[in-house]
Amino acid sequence: MRNSPLVPLALAAALVVAAVMLAASIPGDSTPLADSAPRALRPPIAAVPDVEPPAAEGQDNLPPGSDTQPAQVDAPQSPPPPPAVVAPAPAAPTLPAATPRRAQRIPIEVKAIYLTSWSAATPSRLAAAIDLIEGSELNAVVIDIKDYTGKVVFPTTDPLIAAVGSTVRRLDLAALVRRLHERDIYVIVRLAVFQDQHLLRARPDLAVRDPAGRIWRDRKGLGWVDPASEEVWRYVVAVAREAAMAGVDELNFDYIRFPSDGQLATIRYPVFDARQTRRQVLQRFFAFATGELRAAGPVLSADLFGLVTVRADDLGIGQVIEDALLFFDVVAPMVYPSHYARGFLGYANPAAHPYDVVAYSLTRAVQRRQRLAATLAALCGEEERPEQGCTLAQIRPWLQAFDLGAPYPPGAVRTQIRAVADAGLHAGWLLWNPSNRYRAASAAAQ
C-alpha cells in the first residue's frame, strides 16, 4: 500500500481486513508450518568468521542465507473453513507521502541473477556476472549487503549501525552501483531481516531464546532476533537507508518472518506476546519499514515463502501475500518447485515438474492480487491510481536455478520463466543459485 496523505491509514486497515476475507476464499491447507513433533536441534554454532563460506553442492544447495520454506503442504483439495477475521494491527507510525520512483532506471521486466557479497567483491566473478548479463536477456542483479551472518558489507555512517559494530569493508557499494549503472544494469540489494547472527550477539536482549534462557536455534543451528522488536526494525531501516544513499535501485527484504523450523514450541520471545498475532507483527513492520523508506527513493520489495501463493493462513510465520501486496512495490514469492511437498498437485516429486508447480502457484497469486485490487478499487472509488497511493505491489518471483529434488539444467529454468509469462506476470523474475553458478543458456531467451 503506497500510504500517503491522500490514502489514510484507515484505508490501509480496511484493506487488511479485506485481505483476510479474501485469503479465506482461497482453497488450501490451513495447517500451520509448526512441527507436529519436536526435532532435535543442532549444536549451537560458533561465532561466524568473516570469511567466505564454502560453495554449496548437491543436497547442501540451500545453505544458511537462502530463505527456504519447509515443504509441508499437500495439493489443495477442498476449501478449509474460513479463518476468523483478524483485527487490524495497531496503528503504525505516521507515514510520509510517497515520492516518485526512479522510473528512468526501472526496466519494464526485471530479469536478475543473485550474487553473494563475496561474488560481488571478487573481480573475476563480478566480471563474469556482468558478461553473462550483457550477453543474455538479463538486465539486473541482486547482491547481498546483509545476509544471515548479519554483517553489513559496506561502509556506513549511521551511529545506530556503528553501535552494533556490524560493518565490514567488503564492498564499495556506491562505486559498485556506478559501475553497474554504466552497463545499464539494475541494482537490487538484499537484506536478511530477522535472521541476524551478529545482532543477536551484539544485542542478546533482542534474541529469541529457549526456556533455559539460551539462544534458540533452528534446524540449521541459526538464531533469530525478535520480529516484534521495534529496535530491530529501526536498525534494519538504518542499514537500508545507507544502501539507498549509495544509489541502489531497489531494496529487497528477506527473512521477514517468524522462525519456521526447529523446536518451535520452546521459543521464548523478549517482545512478542499473545496480545498480537504473528501476522499483525509483520503488518506493523511492513507499514513501518515502507513508511520510513518511501522517501529514500529505491523500489521496495519483499521475499515471501512460495507457499503464500496457495495457502490461506499465515503459515505460522506471519506471512500473508495480501499484506505484502498492500505495502511494498514488488512481492517476490520463492516458488522453488523443490520446496513443495510430495503429493502437491498429485506429484510424487514436484521438483520434477517445474512448469506445473510454478504456473499453478503464480496463477493463484495473480488471482489473489486481482481480488484484492477489486477491493482496493472499490475503496478508492476507481481503478488503481499509483499517483495517489491506490495501488498494489507487482509480483516478481524467485525461480529455482539449482539442483535440488531433480536436476535443473537450463531447460528446467527456461520452463519456469515460461510459466511466469503464462501466469500473466510481466514484472520479471529472479534466478537463485546459492553458489552463483549460472549457465548462459538459462538466461538466453529462446
Protein backbone atom coordinates (compact mmCIF):
# COMPACT_ATOMS: atom_id res chain seq x y z
CA MET A 1 0.00 0.00 0.00
CA ARG A 2 1.54 3.30 -1.01
CA ASN A 3 0.34 5.22 2.02
CA SER A 4 0.21 8.99 1.58
CA PRO A 5 -1.89 11.86 2.94
CA LEU A 6 -4.34 11.02 0.16
CA VAL A 7 -4.70 7.46 1.40
CA PRO A 8 -5.12 7.46 5.18
CA LEU A 9 -4.11 4.58 7.40
CA ALA A 10 -7.81 3.88 7.97
CA LEU A 11 -7.97 2.73 4.36
CA ALA A 12 -4.94 0.51 4.87
CA ALA A 13 -6.62 -1.01 7.93
CA ALA A 14 -9.80 -1.65 5.95
CA LEU A 15 -7.79 -3.33 3.23
CA VAL A 16 -6.01 -5.52 5.76
CA VAL A 17 -9.38 -6.80 6.96
CA ALA A 18 -10.45 -7.29 3.36
CA ALA A 19 -7.25 -9.21 2.70
CA VAL A 20 -8.11 -11.65 5.47
CA MET A 21 -11.53 -12.25 3.98
CA LEU A 22 -10.10 -12.70 0.52
CA ALA A 23 -7.47 -15.11 1.78
CA ALA A 24 -10.23 -17.14 3.37
CA SER A 25 -11.71 -17.69 -0.07
CA ILE A 26 -8.51 -19.26 -1.39
CA PRO A 27 -8.55 -23.07 -1.19
CA GLY A 28 -5.65 -24.55 0.64
CA ASP A 29 -4.33 -26.46 3.60
CA SER A 30 -4.73 -24.30 6.68
CA THR A 31 -2.35 -26.35 8.79
CA PRO A 32 0.45 -24.15 10.19
CA LEU A 33 4.05 -24.97 9.45
CA ALA A 34 4.93 -25.68 13.06
CA ASP A 35 6.43 -29.11 13.58
CA SER A 36 3.97 -31.71 14.84
CA ALA A 37 6.71 -33.24 16.97
CA PRO A 38 9.88 -31.61 18.31
CA ARG A 39 13.04 -32.14 16.31
CA ALA A 40 16.49 -32.22 17.86
CA LEU A 41 18.41 -29.02 17.41
CA ARG A 42 21.89 -28.92 16.02
CA PRO A 43 24.60 -27.82 18.45
CA PRO A 44 24.94 -24.04 18.76
CA ILE A 45 27.21 -22.62 16.11
CA ALA A 46 30.31 -20.67 16.93
CA ALA A 47 30.68 -17.02 16.01
CA VAL A 48 30.56 -16.69 12.24
CA PRO A 49 34.02 -15.66 10.98
CA ASP A 50 34.32 -13.01 8.31
CA VAL A 51 35.44 -15.46 5.64
CA GLU A 52 33.68 -16.73 2.58
CA PRO A 53 31.53 -19.82 3.22
CA PRO A 54 32.21 -22.84 1.03
CA ALA A 55 30.12 -23.17 -2.10
CA ALA A 56 27.12 -25.41 -1.64
CA GLU A 57 26.67 -28.53 -3.70
CA GLY A 58 24.01 -31.17 -4.19
CA GLN A 59 21.67 -31.59 -1.24
CA ASP A 60 23.53 -28.80 0.54
CA ASN A 61 22.48 -26.40 -2.19
CA LEU A 62 20.41 -24.37 0.25
CA PRO A 63 22.86 -23.12 2.86
CA PRO A 64 22.17 -20.63 5.61
CA GLY A 65 21.25 -17.40 3.93
CA SER A 66 18.78 -18.82 1.42
CA ASP A 67 15.38 -18.32 3.00
CA THR A 68 13.52 -21.50 2.22
CA GLN A 69 10.23 -22.89 3.36
CA PRO A 70 9.80 -26.44 4.68
CA ALA A 71 7.87 -28.50 2.17
CA GLN A 72 4.93 -29.34 4.40
CA VAL A 73 1.88 -28.65 2.25
CA ASP A 74 -0.05 -31.04 0.06
CA ALA A 75 -2.06 -30.24 -3.03
CA PRO A 76 -5.17 -28.26 -2.15
CA GLN A 77 -8.22 -30.46 -2.34
CA SER A 78 -11.12 -28.53 -0.86
CA PRO A 79 -11.51 -25.12 0.77
CA PRO A 80 -10.86 -25.11 4.52
CA PRO A 81 -13.24 -23.39 6.93
CA PRO A 82 -12.75 -19.63 6.69
CA PRO A 83 -10.37 -18.40 9.38
CA ALA A 84 -11.53 -15.84 11.86
CA VAL A 85 -11.07 -12.28 10.72
CA VAL A 86 -8.01 -10.79 12.36
CA ALA A 87 -8.47 -7.34 13.78
CA PRO A 88 -6.36 -4.66 12.12
CA ALA A 89 -2.91 -4.24 13.58
CA PRO A 90 -2.24 -1.33 15.90
CA ALA A 91 -1.76 1.89 14.02
CA ALA A 92 1.70 2.23 12.54
CA PRO A 93 3.69 5.43 12.82
CA THR A 94 2.54 8.23 10.53
CA LEU A 95 3.91 7.53 7.08
CA PRO A 96 5.44 10.14 4.79
CA ALA A 97 3.99 10.92 1.40
CA ALA A 98 5.05 8.70 -1.46
CA THR A 99 7.79 10.05 -3.69
CA PRO A 100 8.40 9.33 -7.38
CA ARG A 101 10.32 6.19 -8.26
CA ARG A 102 13.48 6.28 -10.33
CA ALA A 103 11.29 5.44 -13.30
CA GLN A 104 14.06 6.00 -15.82
CA ARG A 105 16.10 3.19 -14.26
CA ILE A 106 13.39 0.58 -13.72
CA PRO A 107 13.24 -1.98 -16.54
CA ILE A 108 9.75 -2.99 -17.63
CA GLU A 109 10.72 -6.55 -16.73
CA VAL A 110 13.48 -7.10 -14.19
CA LYS A 111 15.46 -10.24 -15.05
CA ALA A 112 18.09 -10.82 -12.42
CA ILE A 113 20.62 -13.23 -11.02
CA TYR A 114 21.62 -13.40 -7.35
CA LEU A 115 25.18 -12.77 -6.14
CA THR A 116 26.59 -13.05 -2.65
CA SER A 117 28.63 -10.11 -1.41
CA TRP A 118 31.71 -12.30 -1.84
CA SER A 119 30.97 -12.80 -5.54
CA ALA A 120 30.35 -9.08 -5.98
CA ALA A 121 33.65 -8.32 -4.21
CA THR A 122 35.68 -10.79 -6.31
CA PRO A 123 36.74 -9.08 -9.57
CA SER A 124 36.72 -12.21 -11.71
CA ARG A 125 33.29 -13.35 -10.51
CA LEU A 126 31.77 -9.90 -10.85
CA ALA A 127 33.19 -9.57 -14.36
CA ALA A 128 31.76 -12.98 -15.28
CA ALA A 129 28.35 -11.94 -13.96
CA ILE A 130 28.43 -8.71 -15.97
CA ASP A 131 29.42 -10.63 -19.09
CA LEU A 132 26.55 -13.06 -18.52
CA ILE A 133 24.08 -10.22 -18.09
CA GLU A 134 25.27 -8.33 -21.15
CA GLY A 135 25.24 -11.46 -23.28
CA SER A 136 21.70 -12.51 -22.41
CA GLU A 137 18.25 -11.17 -21.68
CA LEU A 138 19.29 -10.46 -18.08
CA ASN A 139 19.26 -6.81 -17.04
CA ALA A 140 19.61 -6.85 -13.25
CA VAL A 141 21.48 -8.29 -10.28
CA VAL A 142 20.57 -8.98 -6.65
CA ILE A 143 23.52 -8.51 -4.27
CA ASP A 144 23.67 -9.34 -0.56
CA ILE A 145 24.53 -6.38 1.65
CA LYS A 146 23.41 -8.04 4.92
CA ASP A 147 22.99 -11.80 4.81
CA TYR A 148 22.18 -14.29 7.57
CA THR A 149 25.50 -13.52 9.32
CA GLY A 150 24.26 -10.00 9.98
CA LYS A 151 27.44 -8.41 8.64
CA VAL A 152 26.82 -5.13 6.80
CA VAL A 153 29.32 -5.38 3.98
CA PHE A 154 29.84 -1.73 3.02
CA PRO A 155 30.99 1.35 4.96
CA THR A 156 28.21 3.22 6.78
CA THR A 157 27.92 6.38 8.81
CA ASP A 158 24.76 5.79 10.83
CA PRO A 159 25.54 5.74 14.59
CA LEU A 160 22.94 3.03 15.16
CA ILE A 161 24.92 0.68 12.91
CA ALA A 162 28.21 1.77 14.46
CA ALA A 163 26.88 0.96 17.92
CA VAL A 164 26.17 -2.61 16.84
CA GLY A 165 29.59 -2.98 15.21
CA SER A 166 28.27 -4.98 12.27
CA THR A 167 30.12 -3.25 9.42
CA VAL A 168 32.87 -4.94 7.43
CA ARG A 169 34.51 -3.20 4.48
CA ARG A 170 33.92 -5.76 1.78
CA LEU A 171 32.24 -3.62 -0.87
CA ASP A 172 32.48 -0.03 -2.01
CA LEU A 173 28.76 -0.07 -2.67
CA ALA A 174 28.49 3.35 -4.29
CA ALA A 175 31.33 2.56 -6.70
CA LEU A 176 29.83 -0.84 -7.49
CA VAL A 177 26.45 0.72 -8.21
CA ARG A 178 28.03 3.29 -10.52
CA ARG A 179 29.89 0.56 -12.42
CA LEU A 180 26.74 -1.48 -12.89
CA HIS A 181 24.69 1.56 -13.88
CA GLU A 182 27.29 2.38 -16.53
CA ARG A 183 26.39 -1.01 -18.03
CA ASP A 184 22.63 -0.28 -17.70
CA ILE A 185 22.30 -2.98 -15.04
CA TYR A 186 19.50 -2.53 -12.48
CA VAL A 187 20.86 -2.95 -8.95
CA ILE A 188 18.89 -4.71 -6.22
CA VAL A 189 20.42 -5.19 -2.78
CA ARG A 190 19.19 -7.88 -0.40
CA LEU A 191 18.89 -7.62 3.37
CA ALA A 192 18.18 -10.58 5.65
CA VAL A 193 15.98 -9.05 8.35
CA PHE A 194 15.14 -11.20 11.38
CA GLN A 195 17.78 -13.88 10.92
CA ASP A 196 20.86 -11.98 12.05
CA GLN A 197 23.69 -13.78 13.83
CA HIS A 198 25.67 -10.63 14.55
CA LEU A 199 22.83 -8.61 16.03
CA LEU A 200 21.77 -11.37 18.40
CA ARG A 201 25.32 -11.45 19.79
CA ALA A 202 25.71 -7.67 19.95
CA ARG A 203 22.25 -7.25 21.45
CA PRO A 204 21.44 -10.56 23.19
CA ASP A 205 18.41 -8.90 24.80
CA LEU A 206 16.78 -8.93 21.34
CA ALA A 207 17.47 -12.62 20.66
CA VAL A 208 14.88 -15.38 20.58
CA ARG A 209 15.61 -17.81 23.43
CA ASP A 210 14.72 -21.25 24.71
CA PRO A 211 13.14 -21.99 28.14
CA ALA A 212 16.60 -22.22 29.75
CA GLY A 213 17.46 -18.71 28.56
CA ARG A 214 19.90 -19.86 25.89
CA ILE A 215 19.85 -18.58 22.31
CA TRP A 216 17.19 -20.60 20.49
CA ARG A 217 18.39 -22.09 17.22
CA ASP A 218 16.60 -23.51 14.20
CA ARG A 219 17.46 -26.74 12.38
CA LYS A 220 20.40 -25.04 10.66
CA GLY A 221 21.77 -24.01 14.02
CA LEU A 222 20.98 -20.35 13.40
CA GLY A 223 19.48 -17.89 15.85
CA TRP A 224 16.87 -15.19 15.33
CA VAL A 225 16.09 -11.75 16.68
CA ASP A 226 12.55 -10.96 17.77
CA PRO A 227 10.43 -9.88 14.77
CA ALA A 228 8.28 -7.77 17.11
CA SER A 229 11.18 -5.62 18.30
CA GLU A 230 10.94 -2.06 17.04
CA GLU A 231 14.62 -1.64 17.88
CA VAL A 232 15.35 -4.31 15.28
CA TRP A 233 13.07 -2.54 12.82
CA ARG A 234 14.91 0.76 13.25
CA TYR A 235 18.27 -0.95 12.81
CA VAL A 236 17.18 -2.65 9.58
CA VAL A 237 15.81 0.63 8.25
CA ALA A 238 19.10 2.33 9.08
CA VAL A 239 21.04 -0.22 7.01
CA ALA A 240 18.56 0.10 4.14
CA ARG A 241 18.76 3.89 4.19
CA GLU A 242 22.56 3.74 3.94
CA ALA A 243 22.22 1.49 0.88
CA ALA A 244 19.73 3.91 -0.64
CA MET A 245 22.28 6.72 -0.25
CA ALA A 246 24.74 4.59 -2.25
CA GLY A 247 22.38 4.83 -5.21
CA VAL A 248 20.87 1.34 -5.39
CA ASP A 249 17.68 0.92 -7.42
CA GLU A 250 15.84 -1.49 -5.14
CA LEU A 251 15.90 -2.63 -1.52
CA ASN A 252 14.93 -6.28 -1.17
CA PHE A 253 13.93 -7.63 2.25
CA ASP A 254 14.30 -11.35 3.03
CA TYR A 255 13.67 -13.33 6.22
CA ILE A 256 10.74 -11.07 7.05
CA ARG A 257 9.05 -13.75 9.11
CA PHE A 258 9.00 -15.72 12.31
CA PRO A 259 11.04 -18.96 12.56
CA SER A 260 9.54 -21.87 10.62
CA ASP A 261 11.51 -24.94 11.74
CA GLY A 262 13.18 -26.40 14.79
CA GLN A 263 11.64 -26.78 18.24
CA LEU A 264 9.14 -24.00 17.77
CA ALA A 265 7.16 -24.80 20.92
CA THR A 266 10.18 -23.94 23.07
CA ILE A 267 10.68 -20.43 21.71
CA ARG A 268 10.62 -17.53 24.16
CA TYR A 269 10.42 -14.02 22.67
CA PRO A 270 11.65 -10.93 24.50
CA VAL A 271 8.99 -8.67 22.92
CA PHE A 272 6.38 -10.69 21.01
CA ASP A 273 3.49 -11.88 23.15
CA ALA A 274 -0.09 -13.12 22.95
CA ARG A 275 -1.53 -9.63 22.66
CA GLN A 276 -0.74 -9.67 18.96
CA THR A 277 -0.56 -12.30 16.24
CA ARG A 278 2.47 -13.05 14.11
CA ARG A 279 0.59 -11.66 11.16
CA GLN A 280 -0.13 -8.40 12.96
CA VAL A 281 3.55 -8.04 13.83
CA LEU A 282 4.55 -8.32 10.18
CA GLN A 283 1.79 -5.96 9.11
CA ARG A 284 3.19 -3.36 11.50
CA PHE A 285 6.75 -4.00 10.32
CA PHE A 286 5.68 -3.66 6.68
CA ALA A 287 4.00 -0.33 7.47
CA PHE A 288 6.97 0.94 9.46
CA ALA A 289 9.72 -0.08 7.02
CA THR A 290 8.00 1.10 3.86
CA GLY A 291 6.86 4.31 5.53
CA GLU A 292 10.36 5.13 6.74
CA LEU A 293 11.99 4.27 3.42
CA ARG A 294 9.47 5.53 0.90
CA ALA A 295 11.13 8.92 0.61
CA ALA A 296 14.60 7.34 0.24
CA GLY A 297 13.97 6.61 -3.43
CA PRO A 298 14.60 2.92 -4.19
CA VAL A 299 11.89 0.44 -5.08
CA LEU A 300 10.93 -1.67 -2.04
CA SER A 301 10.49 -5.43 -2.42
CA ALA A 302 9.72 -8.34 -0.12
CA ASP A 303 10.65 -12.03 -0.38
CA LEU A 304 7.98 -14.46 0.79
CA PHE A 305 7.68 -18.23 1.01
CA GLY A 306 6.31 -19.71 -2.19
CA LEU A 307 3.53 -21.32 -0.18
CA VAL A 308 1.92 -17.92 0.44
CA THR A 309 0.53 -18.17 -3.07
CA VAL A 310 -1.62 -21.20 -2.25
CA ARG A 311 -2.23 -21.07 1.47
CA ALA A 312 -4.99 -19.09 3.18
CA ASP A 313 -3.31 -18.84 6.59
CA ASP A 314 -0.08 -17.13 7.63
CA LEU A 315 1.89 -20.41 7.55
CA GLY A 316 2.57 -20.00 11.26
CA ILE A 317 5.25 -17.43 10.39
CA GLY A 318 3.15 -14.30 9.87
CA GLN A 319 3.32 -14.12 6.07
CA VAL A 320 0.15 -13.49 4.03
CA ILE A 321 0.64 -12.36 0.45
CA GLU A 322 -2.14 -9.77 0.55
CA ASP A 323 -0.42 -7.94 3.39
CA ALA A 324 2.82 -7.57 1.44
CA LEU A 325 0.94 -6.52 -1.70
CA LEU A 326 -0.56 -3.61 0.23
CA PHE A 327 2.74 -2.09 1.35
CA PHE A 328 5.61 -3.00 -0.98
CA ASP A 329 6.31 -2.10 -4.60
CA VAL A 330 7.23 -5.67 -5.53
CA VAL A 331 6.46 -9.02 -3.88
CA ALA A 332 8.79 -11.93 -4.68
CA PRO A 333 7.40 -15.36 -3.75
CA MET A 334 10.08 -18.06 -3.77
CA VAL A 335 8.25 -20.64 -5.87
CA TYR A 336 11.08 -23.17 -5.98
CA PRO A 337 9.50 -26.49 -7.09
CA SER A 338 11.90 -28.45 -4.84
CA HIS A 339 10.23 -26.86 -1.83
CA TYR A 340 6.76 -28.28 -2.37
CA ALA A 341 5.82 -31.48 -0.58
CA ARG A 342 5.27 -34.88 -2.06
CA GLY A 343 1.69 -35.00 -3.32
CA PHE A 344 1.47 -31.35 -4.35
CA LEU A 345 -0.69 -31.26 -7.49
CA GLY A 346 -0.66 -35.07 -7.27
CA TYR A 347 3.08 -35.35 -8.00
CA ALA A 348 5.33 -37.69 -6.06
CA ASN A 349 8.21 -35.29 -6.74
CA PRO A 350 7.04 -31.74 -7.51
CA ALA A 351 10.63 -30.73 -8.28
CA ALA A 352 10.42 -32.84 -11.42
CA HIS A 353 7.51 -30.71 -12.69
CA PRO A 354 8.79 -27.13 -12.64
CA TYR A 355 6.34 -25.69 -15.13
CA ASP A 356 3.22 -27.02 -13.43
CA VAL A 357 4.29 -26.03 -9.92
CA VAL A 358 5.36 -22.51 -10.86
CA ALA A 359 2.41 -21.87 -13.17
CA TYR A 360 -0.11 -23.08 -10.61
CA SER A 361 1.42 -21.11 -7.74
CA LEU A 362 1.70 -17.88 -9.69
CA THR A 363 -1.75 -18.20 -11.23
CA ARG A 364 -3.13 -18.41 -7.71
CA ALA A 365 -1.06 -15.39 -6.70
CA VAL A 366 -2.42 -13.41 -9.65
CA GLN A 367 -5.97 -14.36 -8.74
CA ARG A 368 -5.46 -13.18 -5.17
CA ARG A 369 -3.95 -9.92 -6.33
CA GLN A 370 -6.86 -9.35 -8.72
CA ARG A 371 -9.38 -9.88 -5.93
CA LEU A 372 -7.54 -7.51 -3.64
CA ALA A 373 -7.24 -4.96 -6.46
CA ALA A 374 -11.00 -5.07 -6.93
CA THR A 375 -11.48 -4.30 -3.24
CA LEU A 376 -8.88 -1.54 -3.46
CA ALA A 377 -10.64 -0.01 -6.47
CA ALA A 378 -13.96 -0.03 -4.62
CA LEU A 379 -12.44 1.71 -1.60
CA CYS A 380 -10.50 4.20 -3.68
CA GLY A 381 -13.50 4.83 -5.93
CA GLU A 382 -11.95 3.72 -9.20
CA GLU A 383 -9.14 1.67 -10.70
CA GLU A 384 -5.70 1.54 -9.11
CA ARG A 385 -4.16 5.02 -9.05
CA PRO A 386 -0.41 4.83 -8.46
CA GLU A 387 -0.08 8.62 -8.30
CA GLN A 388 -2.36 8.71 -5.26
CA GLY A 389 -1.11 5.62 -3.50
CA CYS A 390 -4.05 3.43 -4.54
CA THR A 391 -2.03 0.61 -6.00
CA LEU A 392 -0.71 -2.84 -5.17
CA ALA A 393 2.72 -4.40 -5.49
CA GLN A 394 3.72 -6.18 -8.65
CA ILE A 395 4.60 -9.89 -8.41
CA ARG A 396 8.11 -10.89 -9.47
CA PRO A 397 9.01 -14.44 -8.38
CA TRP A 398 12.25 -16.09 -7.40
CA LEU A 399 12.89 -19.12 -9.61
CA GLN A 400 14.99 -22.22 -8.98
CA ALA A 401 18.38 -22.31 -10.74
CA PHE A 402 19.98 -25.00 -8.57
CA ASP A 403 19.81 -28.79 -8.42
CA LEU A 404 17.61 -29.98 -5.59
CA GLY A 405 14.95 -32.66 -5.81
CA ALA A 406 15.76 -33.00 -9.51
CA PRO A 407 18.42 -31.75 -11.93
CA TYR A 408 17.84 -28.16 -13.01
CA PRO A 409 19.60 -27.69 -16.34
CA PRO A 410 18.87 -24.61 -18.46
CA GLY A 411 15.73 -26.22 -19.86
CA ALA A 412 14.20 -26.51 -16.38
CA VAL A 413 15.00 -22.85 -15.70
CA ARG A 414 13.52 -21.73 -19.01
CA THR A 415 10.32 -23.67 -18.40
CA GLN A 416 9.85 -21.78 -15.13
CA ILE A 417 10.36 -18.49 -16.97
CA ARG A 418 7.69 -19.56 -19.46
CA ALA A 419 5.37 -20.37 -16.56
CA VAL A 420 5.81 -16.83 -15.22
CA ALA A 421 4.64 -15.36 -18.53
CA ASP A 422 1.81 -17.89 -18.88
CA ALA A 423 0.53 -16.88 -15.44
CA GLY A 424 0.11 -13.36 -16.78
CA LEU A 425 3.04 -11.75 -14.96
CA HIS A 426 5.21 -9.18 -16.68
CA ALA A 427 7.30 -7.66 -13.89
CA GLY A 428 10.14 -10.14 -14.45
CA TRP A 429 11.83 -12.85 -12.41
CA LEU A 430 14.88 -13.50 -10.22
CA LEU A 431 17.15 -16.54 -10.51
CA TRP A 432 18.52 -18.05 -7.29
CA ASN A 433 21.62 -20.19 -7.18
CA PRO A 434 23.36 -20.04 -3.77
CA SER A 435 26.72 -20.84 -5.35
CA ASN A 436 26.18 -18.13 -8.00
CA ARG A 437 26.88 -20.58 -10.80
CA TYR A 438 24.58 -19.74 -13.71
CA ARG A 439 24.60 -21.31 -17.14
CA ALA A 440 24.34 -18.89 -20.04
CA ALA A 441 21.60 -20.96 -21.65
CA SER A 442 19.39 -20.44 -18.60
CA ALA A 443 19.31 -16.71 -19.24
CA ALA A 444 19.21 -16.79 -23.03
CA ALA A 445 15.77 -16.09 -24.48
CA GLN A 446 14.56 -18.89 -26.73
